[in-house]
Amino acid sequence: MAPGAVIGWDMGAALSLAGGLGVNALIAAELLPEIEAVMVRKLNEQMEGRRNG
């Protein structure tokens, strides 16, 4: 996290969590970056809205 913005996830932790949940590592490695991009964008939009609202 940067001051006032989310810049990304800890992918090592995300992959470890996926493995712990029984998700195939190859599938997780393929899908997590796409999911991360959407989540980061949405979180930053929400934070920006709170600053301007």
C-alpha atoms as a PDB file:
ATOM      1  CA  MET A   1       0.000   0.000   0.000  1.00  0.00           C
ATOM      2  CA  ALA A   2       1.210   3.478  -0.853  1.00  0.00           C
ATOM      3  CA  PRO A   3       0.045   6.590   1.011  1.00  0.00           C
ATOM      4  CA  GLY A   4      -3.578   6.896  -0.042  1.00  0.00           C
ATOM      5  CA  ALA A   5      -3.567   4.094  -2.613  1.00  0.00           C
ATOM      6  CA  VAL A   6      -3.489   0.317  -2.929  1.00  0.00           C
ATOM      7  CA  ILE A   7      -0.786  -0.797  -5.378  1.00  0.00           C
ATOM      8  CA  GLY A   8      -1.162  -4.572  -5.276  1.00  0.00           C
ATOM      9  CA  TRP A   9      -1.409  -7.783  -3.330  1.00  0.00           C
ATOM     10  CA  ASP A  10       1.250  -9.950  -1.749  1.00  0.00           C
ATOM     11  CA  MET A  11       1.101 -12.655  -4.430  1.00  0.00           C
ATOM     12  CA  GLY A  12       3.141 -15.093  -2.353  1.00  0.00           C
ATOM     13  CA  ALA A  13       0.555 -14.882   0.398  1.00  0.00           C
ATOM     14  CA  ALA A  14      -2.316 -15.090  -2.103  1.00  0.00           C
ATOM     15  CA  LEU A  15      -0.861 -18.209  -3.710  1.00  0.00           C
ATOM     16  CA  SER A  16      -0.225 -19.751  -0.300  1.00  0.00           C
ATOM     17  CA  LEU A  17      -3.814 -19.072   0.723  1.00  0.00           C
ATOM     18  CA  ALA A  18      -5.085 -20.559  -2.538  1.00  0.00           C
ATOM     19  CA  GLY A  19      -2.978 -23.669  -1.929  1.00  0.00           C
ATOM     20  CA  GLY A  20      -4.296 -23.950   1.608  1.00  0.00           C
ATOM     21  CA  LEU A  21      -7.809 -23.825   0.229  1.00  0.00           C
ATOM     22  CA  GLY A  22      -7.020 -26.619  -2.218  1.00  0.00           C
ATOM     23  CA  VAL A  23      -6.955 -24.463  -5.355  1.00  0.00           C
ATOM     24  CA  ASN A  24      -4.645 -25.756  -8.081  1.00  0.00           C
ATOM     25  CA  ALA A  25      -1.454 -23.623  -8.030  1.00  0.00           C
ATOM     26  CA  LEU A  26      -1.318 -23.258 -11.833  1.00  0.00           C
ATOM     27  CA  ILE A  27      -4.907 -22.039 -11.978  1.00  0.00           C
ATOM     28  CA  ALA A  28      -4.354 -19.645  -9.073  1.00  0.00           C
ATOM     29  CA  ALA A  29      -1.197 -18.236 -10.684  1.00  0.00           C
ATOM     30  CA  GLU A  30      -3.128 -17.686 -13.902  1.00  0.00           C
ATOM     31  CA  LEU A  31      -6.221 -16.068 -12.356  1.00  0.00           C
ATOM     32  CA  LEU A  32      -4.906 -14.078  -9.390  1.00  0.00           C
ATOM     33  CA  PRO A  33      -3.245 -11.263 -11.402  1.00  0.00           C
ATOM     34  CA  GLU A  34      -6.522 -10.562 -13.213  1.00  0.00           C
ATOM     35  CA  ILE A  35      -8.497 -10.596  -9.966  1.00  0.00           C
ATOM     36  CA  GLU A  36      -5.864  -8.397  -8.304  1.00  0.00           C
ATOM     37  CA  ALA A  37      -6.079  -5.770 -11.060  1.00  0.00           C
ATOM     38  CA  VAL A  38      -9.849  -5.424 -10.655  1.00  0.00           C
ATOM     39  CA  MET A  39      -9.705  -5.354  -6.864  1.00  0.00           C
ATOM     40  CA  VAL A  40      -6.920  -2.750  -6.773  1.00  0.00           C
ATOM     41  CA  ARG A  41      -8.812  -0.520  -9.211  1.00  0.00           C
ATOM     42  CA  LYS A  42     -12.075  -0.805  -7.263  1.00  0.00           C
ATOM     43  CA  LEU A  43     -10.447  -0.223  -3.867  1.00  0.00           C
ATOM     44  CA  ASN A  44      -8.681   2.882  -5.157  1.00  0.00           C
ATOM     45  CA  GLU A  45     -11.952   4.173  -6.664  1.00  0.00           C
ATOM     46  CA  GLN A  46     -13.692   3.703  -3.313  1.00  0.00           C
ATOM     47  CA  MET A  47     -10.916   5.454  -1.415  1.00  0.00           C
ATOM     48  CA  GLU A  48     -10.939   8.338  -3.879  1.00  0.00           C
ATOM     49  CA  GLY A  49     -14.711   8.651  -3.502  1.00  0.00           C
ATOM     50  CA  ARG A  50     -14.390   8.895   0.287  1.00  0.00           C
ATOM     51  CA  ARG A  51     -11.815  11.692  -0.054  1.00  0.00           C
ATOM     52  CA  ASN A  52     -13.993  13.648  -2.483  1.00  0.00           C
ATOM     53  CA  GLY A  53     -17.343  12.889  -0.829  1.00  0.00           C
END
